[in-house]
Structure formats: structure tokens, C-alpha cells
Amino acid sequence: MRLGYLTPKFANFQAYAEYEGNTALFSDDYNDKTIGKTEYAVMADPDSKGELNQGWLSFSGIPDTTIKAGRQRIILDNARFVGNVGWRQMEQTYDAVRVTNTSVSNLSLDGTYIWNVRNILSKDDNMNSFLGNIGFKVPKIGKVTAYAYLLDYDDLAKKSSQTYGIRFGGAFAPVDNFKILYLAEYAHQSDYQDNPADFDADYYHINGGFKIPDLGSVFKNLTAKIGYEFQGSDNGVSFRTPLGTNHAFSGWVDKFLATPADGLTDFYGMISGNLMGLTAKFIYHTFDADKGSADYGDEFDAMLKYKFNKHYSVLAAYGTYDAEDFATDTDKFWLQLDIKF
């Protein structure tokens, strides 16, 4: 449950506060990653008596600029590197000062200093980290983004890293009612500050596909993609994204919330669409190691969602992971009712 209040703007200032809580109603026979029930599958949604999910003050008195300070939601690009992990019951938010500027047409500047992350397990990760993100929109083609993420953890030095990357993604419509979709991204990551490891690992992600917005009165937004994501490994340390919304990328069963030490390659295909208000999505993954010849297995995910009106929606999802040289066979099913006001 989340309950928040946003104040009206006054003299270019605005404030927001949001409460968040989570309770297991019928069963606690699952591994929430906090109480040691490792014999069960991971469902990283621990019980919480409630906490401040967001509490921030913003100032927009400088033209085309917003300054926001306090506990806040931060999502950069596709959330692979920095996100709120919105699928989980307890959201990931950041104690930070963030400055954004859009003074130049089609150009966005985004800089953030973070001193603490309130993670999905309701624990604090203290740090002194900087996020820099520069984006430039190419009209009718897509967006080019360059970024630098310097993560310096106080108590989790093995997570400290510096990541520099560039991405280009977008859509092109050669004819009416048809879009070609594409993404290409590369990043390099190495140890940073007090991290005792010595590593240099690469990341790249490419995908392509198409979207047909209108297939008649009952079928909309048919979308299909194929892609390849690579998280490399060096000296026994893999490329990792500790602040990312990782659930959305390497399978919903959550076998790869943390990248294995030998790295991870993911070849995947996705198809989705909307039929008479029912949204459907299907994804297939095949996973392998970067170093060595390990076959990590395959996963199939499926989701159906129906929105009754602007307040109510119901979602059903299923994921099945078929293990080979990593982890164990796992099936998960979700049924979710959302009420928003």
C-alpha cells in the first residue's frame, strides 16, 4: 500500500510525502531474502510495518530547471542501471539531491548526488554516489544518451563501481501505422574507490522489432522484438547493476537479480498487444555464461492485464525457469489487483 500527498506549488516550491507498507496476508512460506528461508523460491517482498517511501522538497524558480532534495523516486532511461524496482511491493527510493535542466531544445541534463538508498528490503545502503545523464532527442528517430554512474558504498565496498556508457534507442515510422523499433547500448564498468576487486567488464544490449499501433477496432499495439544483452566478467567479477530494476530484464522468476560471477548473456524474444482492453505479453529467454561454457537455462514469462477504468486493474502473470548448469527449476505465479486514486 502507498499513500501520498503532493502540495500545490507556492513561490516555486513544492513538497511531497508518501507512506508505504506491505503485509503477507495468507502465507509466509517464501524467501523474502531477510529471514533465511532459503529452501523456498525468492519473493523479495518482506513484511514491513510501514516507512517513508518518499519525502522531498523541490524548487523550480530557475528557468527550465528543477532542484529536488530528499527521499525520492529516480528512474533513468529504461531503468536498467538506475530505477525504482517498481514491480516489488516495497519500492527502491533515494535520499538525494537531483538537478535537471532542459534549457537547450532536445537536450536534457540530469545530475544527482546520493547519500543513501532505501532498498526493496527496507534496508539502508549508505553511500556517496554521483549519477550523471545527458540525453539528446533526434526528432522522429530516437534519443542518444551518455551517462556516468559512480557508486561509492560505505559498508558494501564490493558493490562500488564506476560505469560509463552510451545508448541510442527509438522508433522510425516508414509508413503510417507501422514503426521500426531499435536499441543499441554499450557500457564499461570497473572497480571504484574502496572496492578490493580489480576488474574491467563490458556491457552491451541490442534489440530490434516493430510495432503496429492499430489493427482494427479490437486489436491495438502489436509489438514484437528480439534482442541480445551481454553482461561480461573479468577476474571473477561480473558487470552488475545494483541500482537497476533488474526484475524487468533477466526474467521475472528472478534467478539473475545479481549477475553470476562468470557473467550473463541473454538472447530473448518478446511479443505483446492489446485485445479489447486486455493487454498480453509473452517473453522467452535463453541464458548462458560469458566466461566458460555454462548453460544457465531458459525461461518463459507470460502476463495478462485488464484495466476496468482509471482506478482499477487486475494482472495475472506466470514465469517458468528451466535450469541447466545454474540454479534450480522454478515456477512462479502472480495475481494482482491494483486500486489507484
Foldseek 3Di string as FASTA:
>chain_A
DKDKDKDDDDQQKIKMWMKAFDDDDPDDQACLVPPPNVVHFHDVADGDPMDTQWIWMWGDPDPQKIKIAAKAFDADDPQAQAGQLVVYRRTKIFGWIKMWGDPDPQKIWIKIWTQWICHNNRDIFGWTWMKTKIWGADPQFWIKMWIWTATGTDPCQLPTKIKTKIKTWDWHDPDPQKIKTKIKMKMWMAHDDPNPDGFIWIKIKIKIWMWGADDDDFKGTKIKMKMKIWWAAGPQQIRFRQNGSCCVPDDVSPPPNDAGSQTKMKTKMKIWIGGNQKTKIKMKIWMAGNPDGGGQFIKIKIKIKHDPDPFKIKMKMKMWTPGDRDDHTDIDIDIDIGGDD
